N, C-alpha and C. Protein backbone atom coordinates (compact mmCIF):
# COMPACT_ATOMS: atom_id res chain seq x y z
N UNK A 1 0.82 -1.20 0.00
CA UNK A 1 0.00 0.00 0.00
C UNK A 1 0.85 1.25 0.00
N UNK A 2 1.75 1.35 -0.92
CA UNK A 2 2.63 2.52 -0.96
C UNK A 2 2.01 3.68 -1.70
N UNK A 3 0.88 3.45 -2.29
CA UNK A 3 0.25 4.54 -3.02
C UNK A 3 0.61 4.53 -4.49
N UNK A 4 1.42 3.58 -4.94
CA UNK A 4 1.78 3.50 -6.35
C UNK A 4 0.66 2.87 -7.16
N UNK A 5 -0.27 2.19 -6.48
CA UNK A 5 -1.39 1.57 -7.15
C UNK A 5 -2.60 2.49 -7.04
N UNK A 6 -3.39 2.60 -8.12
CA UNK A 6 -4.57 3.47 -8.07
C UNK A 6 -5.51 3.06 -6.94
N UNK A 7 -6.08 4.06 -6.28
CA UNK A 7 -7.05 3.80 -5.23
C UNK A 7 -6.46 3.56 -3.85
N UNK A 8 -5.16 3.39 -3.75
CA UNK A 8 -4.54 3.16 -2.45
C UNK A 8 -3.95 4.46 -1.92
N UNK A 9 -3.95 4.62 -0.60
CA UNK A 9 -3.39 5.85 -0.03
C UNK A 9 -1.90 5.99 -0.34
N UNK A 10 -1.46 7.21 -0.49
CA UNK A 10 -0.03 7.48 -0.71
C UNK A 10 0.61 7.74 0.65
N UNK A 11 1.49 6.86 1.06
CA UNK A 11 2.17 7.00 2.34
C UNK A 11 3.56 7.59 2.14
N UNK A 12 4.07 8.19 3.20
CA UNK A 12 5.48 8.58 3.18
C UNK A 12 6.31 7.32 2.99
N UNK A 13 7.43 7.43 2.31
CA UNK A 13 8.22 6.26 1.94
C UNK A 13 9.39 5.98 2.87
N UNK A 14 9.77 6.94 3.68
CA UNK A 14 10.89 6.77 4.61
C UNK A 14 10.51 7.44 5.93
N UNK A 15 10.22 6.63 6.93
CA UNK A 15 9.71 7.13 8.21
C UNK A 15 10.75 6.90 9.30
N UNK A 16 10.99 7.93 10.08
CA UNK A 16 11.87 7.83 11.25
C UNK A 16 11.00 7.85 12.50
N UNK A 17 11.19 6.84 13.35
CA UNK A 17 10.50 6.77 14.64
C UNK A 17 11.52 7.10 15.71
N UNK A 18 11.21 8.06 16.56
CA UNK A 18 12.07 8.39 17.70
C UNK A 18 11.30 7.94 18.94
N UNK A 19 11.73 6.81 19.48
CA UNK A 19 11.03 6.16 20.59
C UNK A 19 12.05 5.37 21.41
N UNK A 20 12.06 5.60 22.72
CA UNK A 20 13.05 4.94 23.57
C UNK A 20 12.59 3.61 24.14
N UNK A 21 11.32 3.30 24.08
CA UNK A 21 10.83 2.01 24.57
C UNK A 21 10.91 1.01 23.43
N UNK A 22 11.78 -0.01 23.55
CA UNK A 22 11.99 -0.93 22.43
C UNK A 22 10.73 -1.70 22.01
N UNK A 23 9.87 -2.01 22.95
CA UNK A 23 8.65 -2.75 22.60
C UNK A 23 7.70 -1.86 21.80
N UNK A 24 7.54 -0.62 22.23
CA UNK A 24 6.69 0.32 21.49
C UNK A 24 7.29 0.59 20.12
N UNK A 25 8.61 0.80 20.07
CA UNK A 25 9.28 1.07 18.80
C UNK A 25 9.10 -0.08 17.82
N UNK A 26 9.26 -1.30 18.30
CA UNK A 26 9.10 -2.48 17.44
C UNK A 26 7.67 -2.59 16.94
N UNK A 27 6.71 -2.34 17.82
CA UNK A 27 5.31 -2.38 17.41
C UNK A 27 4.98 -1.34 16.36
N UNK A 28 5.48 -0.13 16.56
CA UNK A 28 5.26 0.93 15.56
C UNK A 28 5.93 0.58 14.24
N UNK A 29 7.17 0.11 14.32
CA UNK A 29 7.89 -0.25 13.10
C UNK A 29 7.15 -1.34 12.33
N UNK A 30 6.74 -2.40 13.01
CA UNK A 30 6.01 -3.49 12.34
C UNK A 30 4.70 -3.00 11.73
N UNK A 31 3.98 -2.17 12.47
CA UNK A 31 2.71 -1.65 11.98
C UNK A 31 2.90 -0.78 10.75
N UNK A 32 3.88 0.11 10.80
CA UNK A 32 4.13 1.01 9.67
C UNK A 32 4.61 0.23 8.45
N UNK A 33 5.48 -0.74 8.66
CA UNK A 33 5.89 -1.60 7.54
C UNK A 33 4.68 -2.34 6.98
N UNK A 34 3.78 -2.76 7.86
CA UNK A 34 2.56 -3.45 7.43
C UNK A 34 1.65 -2.59 6.58
N UNK A 35 1.71 -1.28 6.77
CA UNK A 35 0.94 -0.36 5.92
C UNK A 35 1.52 -0.29 4.51
N UNK A 36 2.75 -0.79 4.34
CA UNK A 36 3.39 -0.75 3.04
C UNK A 36 4.49 0.29 2.90
N UNK A 37 4.84 0.94 4.00
CA UNK A 37 5.95 1.91 3.96
C UNK A 37 7.24 1.11 3.81
N UNK A 38 8.05 1.37 2.78
CA UNK A 38 9.22 0.53 2.53
C UNK A 38 10.40 0.74 3.46
N UNK A 39 10.55 1.93 4.03
CA UNK A 39 11.72 2.21 4.88
C UNK A 39 11.26 2.81 6.20
N UNK A 40 11.55 2.11 7.29
CA UNK A 40 11.24 2.59 8.63
C UNK A 40 12.49 2.43 9.47
N UNK A 41 12.92 3.54 10.08
CA UNK A 41 14.11 3.52 10.93
C UNK A 41 13.72 3.95 12.33
N UNK A 42 14.45 3.45 13.33
CA UNK A 42 14.15 3.75 14.73
C UNK A 42 15.38 4.32 15.40
N UNK A 43 15.17 5.40 16.14
CA UNK A 43 16.22 6.00 16.97
C UNK A 43 15.68 6.07 18.40
N UNK A 44 16.49 5.64 19.35
CA UNK A 44 16.06 5.62 20.76
C UNK A 44 16.49 6.87 21.52
N UNK A 45 17.23 7.76 20.87
CA UNK A 45 17.70 8.97 21.55
C UNK A 45 17.73 10.14 20.57
N UNK A 46 17.82 11.33 21.13
CA UNK A 46 17.93 12.54 20.31
C UNK A 46 19.20 12.49 19.48
N UNK A 47 20.32 12.14 20.11
CA UNK A 47 21.60 12.10 19.39
C UNK A 47 21.54 11.16 18.20
N UNK A 48 21.01 9.97 18.41
CA UNK A 48 20.91 8.99 17.32
C UNK A 48 19.98 9.49 16.22
N UNK A 49 18.87 10.10 16.61
CA UNK A 49 17.93 10.62 15.62
C UNK A 49 18.57 11.71 14.76
N UNK A 50 19.31 12.60 15.38
CA UNK A 50 19.96 13.68 14.63
C UNK A 50 21.00 13.14 13.67
N UNK A 51 21.74 12.12 14.08
CA UNK A 51 22.72 11.48 13.19
C UNK A 51 22.00 10.84 12.00
N UNK A 52 20.90 10.16 12.29
CA UNK A 52 20.15 9.50 11.21
C UNK A 52 19.56 10.52 10.24
N UNK A 53 19.07 11.63 10.75
CA UNK A 53 18.53 12.69 9.88
C UNK A 53 19.63 13.27 9.01
N UNK A 54 20.80 13.51 9.59
CA UNK A 54 21.92 14.05 8.82
C UNK A 54 22.39 13.07 7.75
N UNK A 55 22.35 11.77 8.06
CA UNK A 55 22.80 10.76 7.10
C UNK A 55 21.80 10.60 5.96
N UNK A 56 20.52 10.62 6.28
CA UNK A 56 19.47 10.49 5.27
C UNK A 56 18.18 11.05 5.86
N UNK A 57 17.77 12.17 5.36
CA UNK A 57 16.57 12.81 5.88
C UNK A 57 15.34 11.95 5.57
N UNK A 58 14.48 11.74 6.55
CA UNK A 58 13.26 10.97 6.31
C UNK A 58 12.22 11.82 5.58
N UNK A 59 11.18 11.17 5.10
CA UNK A 59 10.03 11.88 4.52
C UNK A 59 9.09 12.35 5.63
N UNK A 60 9.13 11.64 6.77
CA UNK A 60 8.21 11.88 7.87
C UNK A 60 8.83 11.30 9.13
N UNK A 61 8.51 11.89 10.28
CA UNK A 61 9.00 11.35 11.55
C UNK A 61 7.88 11.32 12.58
N UNK A 62 7.94 10.32 13.43
CA UNK A 62 7.02 10.16 14.54
C UNK A 62 7.85 10.24 15.81
N UNK A 63 7.58 11.24 16.64
CA UNK A 63 8.43 11.53 17.79
C UNK A 63 7.71 11.27 19.11
N UNK A 64 8.29 10.43 19.93
CA UNK A 64 7.85 10.32 21.32
C UNK A 64 8.37 11.56 22.03
N UNK A 65 7.53 12.25 22.76
CA UNK A 65 7.96 13.48 23.43
C UNK A 65 8.94 13.17 24.55
N UNK A 66 8.58 12.26 25.43
CA UNK A 66 9.40 11.98 26.61
C UNK A 66 10.30 10.78 26.41
N UNK A 67 11.57 11.06 26.20
CA UNK A 67 12.58 10.01 26.10
C UNK A 67 13.30 9.91 27.45
N UNK A 68 14.13 8.90 27.62
CA UNK A 68 14.87 8.76 28.87
C UNK A 68 15.76 9.97 29.08
N UNK A 69 15.52 10.72 30.14
CA UNK A 69 16.31 11.89 30.54
C UNK A 69 16.40 12.98 29.48
N UNK A 70 15.50 13.00 28.52
CA UNK A 70 15.49 14.05 27.50
C UNK A 70 14.12 14.07 26.83
N UNK A 71 13.89 15.09 26.04
CA UNK A 71 12.68 15.12 25.22
C UNK A 71 13.11 15.25 23.76
N UNK A 72 12.16 15.09 22.88
CA UNK A 72 12.48 15.05 21.44
C UNK A 72 12.38 16.40 20.74
N UNK A 73 12.31 17.49 21.49
CA UNK A 73 12.09 18.79 20.86
C UNK A 73 13.27 19.24 19.99
N UNK A 74 14.49 18.84 20.32
CA UNK A 74 15.63 19.18 19.45
C UNK A 74 15.49 18.50 18.09
N UNK A 75 14.95 17.30 18.08
CA UNK A 75 14.69 16.60 16.82
C UNK A 75 13.59 17.34 16.06
N UNK A 76 12.55 17.74 16.76
CA UNK A 76 11.46 18.49 16.13
C UNK A 76 11.97 19.79 15.51
N UNK A 77 12.87 20.47 16.21
CA UNK A 77 13.45 21.70 15.67
C UNK A 77 14.21 21.44 14.38
N UNK A 78 15.01 20.37 14.36
CA UNK A 78 15.77 20.03 13.15
C UNK A 78 14.83 19.69 12.00
N UNK A 79 13.83 18.89 12.28
CA UNK A 79 12.87 18.51 11.24
C UNK A 79 12.13 19.74 10.70
N UNK A 80 11.71 20.62 11.59
CA UNK A 80 11.02 21.85 11.17
C UNK A 80 11.92 22.71 10.30
N UNK A 81 13.19 22.82 10.67
CA UNK A 81 14.14 23.61 9.89
C UNK A 81 14.33 23.03 8.49
N UNK A 82 14.25 21.70 8.39
CA UNK A 82 14.40 21.02 7.10
C UNK A 82 13.07 20.88 6.37
N UNK A 83 12.00 21.38 6.97
CA UNK A 83 10.65 21.30 6.41
C UNK A 83 10.20 19.86 6.18
N UNK A 84 10.55 19.00 7.12
CA UNK A 84 10.14 17.60 7.09
C UNK A 84 8.94 17.45 8.01
N UNK A 85 7.84 16.92 7.51
CA UNK A 85 6.66 16.76 8.36
C UNK A 85 6.90 15.75 9.48
N UNK A 86 6.28 16.01 10.62
CA UNK A 86 6.39 15.09 11.75
C UNK A 86 5.17 15.21 12.63
N UNK A 87 5.01 14.21 13.47
CA UNK A 87 3.93 14.20 14.46
C UNK A 87 4.51 13.73 15.78
N UNK A 88 3.90 14.17 16.86
CA UNK A 88 4.28 13.69 18.18
C UNK A 88 3.37 12.53 18.56
N UNK A 89 3.94 11.52 19.18
CA UNK A 89 3.17 10.44 19.78
C UNK A 89 3.45 10.53 21.27
N UNK A 90 2.44 10.87 22.04
CA UNK A 90 2.70 11.15 23.45
C UNK A 90 1.48 10.89 24.32
N UNK A 91 1.75 10.56 25.54
CA UNK A 91 0.70 10.45 26.54
C UNK A 91 0.54 11.73 27.31
N UNK A 92 1.39 12.73 27.02
CA UNK A 92 1.36 14.01 27.72
C UNK A 92 0.25 14.90 27.19
N UNK A 93 -0.18 15.83 28.01
CA UNK A 93 -1.16 16.83 27.60
C UNK A 93 -0.53 17.79 26.59
N UNK A 94 -1.37 18.51 25.88
CA UNK A 94 -0.91 19.46 24.86
C UNK A 94 0.00 20.53 25.44
N UNK A 95 -0.18 20.88 26.71
CA UNK A 95 0.64 21.95 27.30
C UNK A 95 2.08 21.53 27.54
N UNK A 96 2.41 20.26 27.36
CA UNK A 96 3.78 19.79 27.50
C UNK A 96 4.59 19.99 26.21
N UNK A 97 3.91 20.34 25.14
CA UNK A 97 4.56 20.58 23.85
C UNK A 97 4.75 22.08 23.71
N UNK A 98 5.97 22.54 23.35
CA UNK A 98 6.21 23.98 23.19
C UNK A 98 5.24 24.62 22.18
N UNK A 99 4.93 25.87 22.41
CA UNK A 99 3.98 26.60 21.57
C UNK A 99 4.36 26.56 20.09
N UNK A 100 5.66 26.57 19.79
CA UNK A 100 6.09 26.56 18.39
C UNK A 100 5.68 25.30 17.65
N UNK A 101 5.34 24.24 18.40
CA UNK A 101 4.93 22.98 17.79
C UNK A 101 3.45 22.67 18.04
N UNK A 102 2.71 23.65 18.51
CA UNK A 102 1.30 23.44 18.86
C UNK A 102 0.46 23.02 17.65
N UNK A 103 0.89 23.42 16.45
CA UNK A 103 0.13 23.09 15.25
C UNK A 103 0.48 21.72 14.67
N UNK A 104 1.46 21.06 15.24
CA UNK A 104 1.87 19.74 14.74
C UNK A 104 0.91 18.66 15.22
N UNK A 105 0.70 17.65 14.39
CA UNK A 105 -0.20 16.57 14.81
C UNK A 105 0.32 15.89 16.08
N UNK A 106 -0.62 15.48 16.91
CA UNK A 106 -0.27 14.78 18.14
C UNK A 106 -1.13 13.53 18.23
N UNK A 107 -0.48 12.38 18.29
CA UNK A 107 -1.18 11.12 18.44
C UNK A 107 -1.12 10.70 19.90
N UNK A 108 -2.24 10.33 20.49
CA UNK A 108 -2.20 9.87 21.88
C UNK A 108 -1.54 8.50 21.95
N UNK A 109 -0.86 8.25 23.05
CA UNK A 109 -0.28 6.92 23.26
C UNK A 109 -1.13 6.19 24.28
N UNK A 110 -1.52 4.98 23.99
CA UNK A 110 -1.30 4.28 22.72
C UNK A 110 -2.20 4.86 21.63
N UNK A 111 -1.68 4.86 20.40
CA UNK A 111 -2.46 5.45 19.31
C UNK A 111 -3.16 4.35 18.52
N UNK A 112 -4.29 4.71 17.98
CA UNK A 112 -5.06 3.75 17.19
C UNK A 112 -4.40 3.55 15.83
N UNK A 113 -4.70 2.43 15.21
CA UNK A 113 -4.18 2.17 13.87
C UNK A 113 -4.68 3.22 12.88
N UNK A 114 -5.93 3.62 13.03
CA UNK A 114 -6.50 4.62 12.12
C UNK A 114 -5.76 5.95 12.24
N UNK A 115 -5.47 6.38 13.47
CA UNK A 115 -4.76 7.65 13.68
C UNK A 115 -3.35 7.57 13.12
N UNK A 116 -2.68 6.45 13.34
CA UNK A 116 -1.32 6.28 12.82
C UNK A 116 -1.33 6.27 11.30
N UNK A 117 -2.25 5.54 10.73
CA UNK A 117 -2.33 5.47 9.27
C UNK A 117 -2.63 6.84 8.67
N UNK A 118 -3.51 7.60 9.30
CA UNK A 118 -3.84 8.94 8.81
C UNK A 118 -2.62 9.85 8.86
N UNK A 119 -1.81 9.74 9.91
CA UNK A 119 -0.61 10.57 10.04
C UNK A 119 0.41 10.24 8.96
N UNK A 120 0.42 8.99 8.51
CA UNK A 120 1.41 8.56 7.53
C UNK A 120 1.02 8.86 6.09
N UNK A 121 -0.19 9.33 5.87
CA UNK A 121 -0.61 9.67 4.51
C UNK A 121 0.04 10.98 4.09
N UNK A 122 0.58 10.98 2.90
CA UNK A 122 1.19 12.21 2.36
C UNK A 122 0.14 13.29 2.26
N UNK A 123 0.54 14.47 2.64
CA UNK A 123 -0.34 15.63 2.52
C UNK A 123 0.07 16.41 1.28
N UNK A 124 -0.76 16.42 0.27
CA UNK A 124 -0.45 17.18 -0.94
C UNK A 124 0.53 16.48 -1.72
């Protein structure tokens, strides 16, 4: 379901997941691959995510807000500067996300398959 076939949704083709919980990361990765996204990468820390973005910028990123002893806002800043779309996946309230990212999609954790699939659809 990559969107190359008529009638199927067009998904982002290279997705970066920033998630420090390995079980959640694996579940997200498997689910996103199951949607037909051909490339899914996982970073468990801000440093690793920034290295991965510099090596190959993703088409889309899904960011857990609260990582171990850090948050993902530095990654969000880099993605915004590169004009790469992203969404937050978080159990936190909206007020935990800086105002500059208030307009970014936020998926509740745990997120439904429908919400995740909708976030992965290319916009325009």
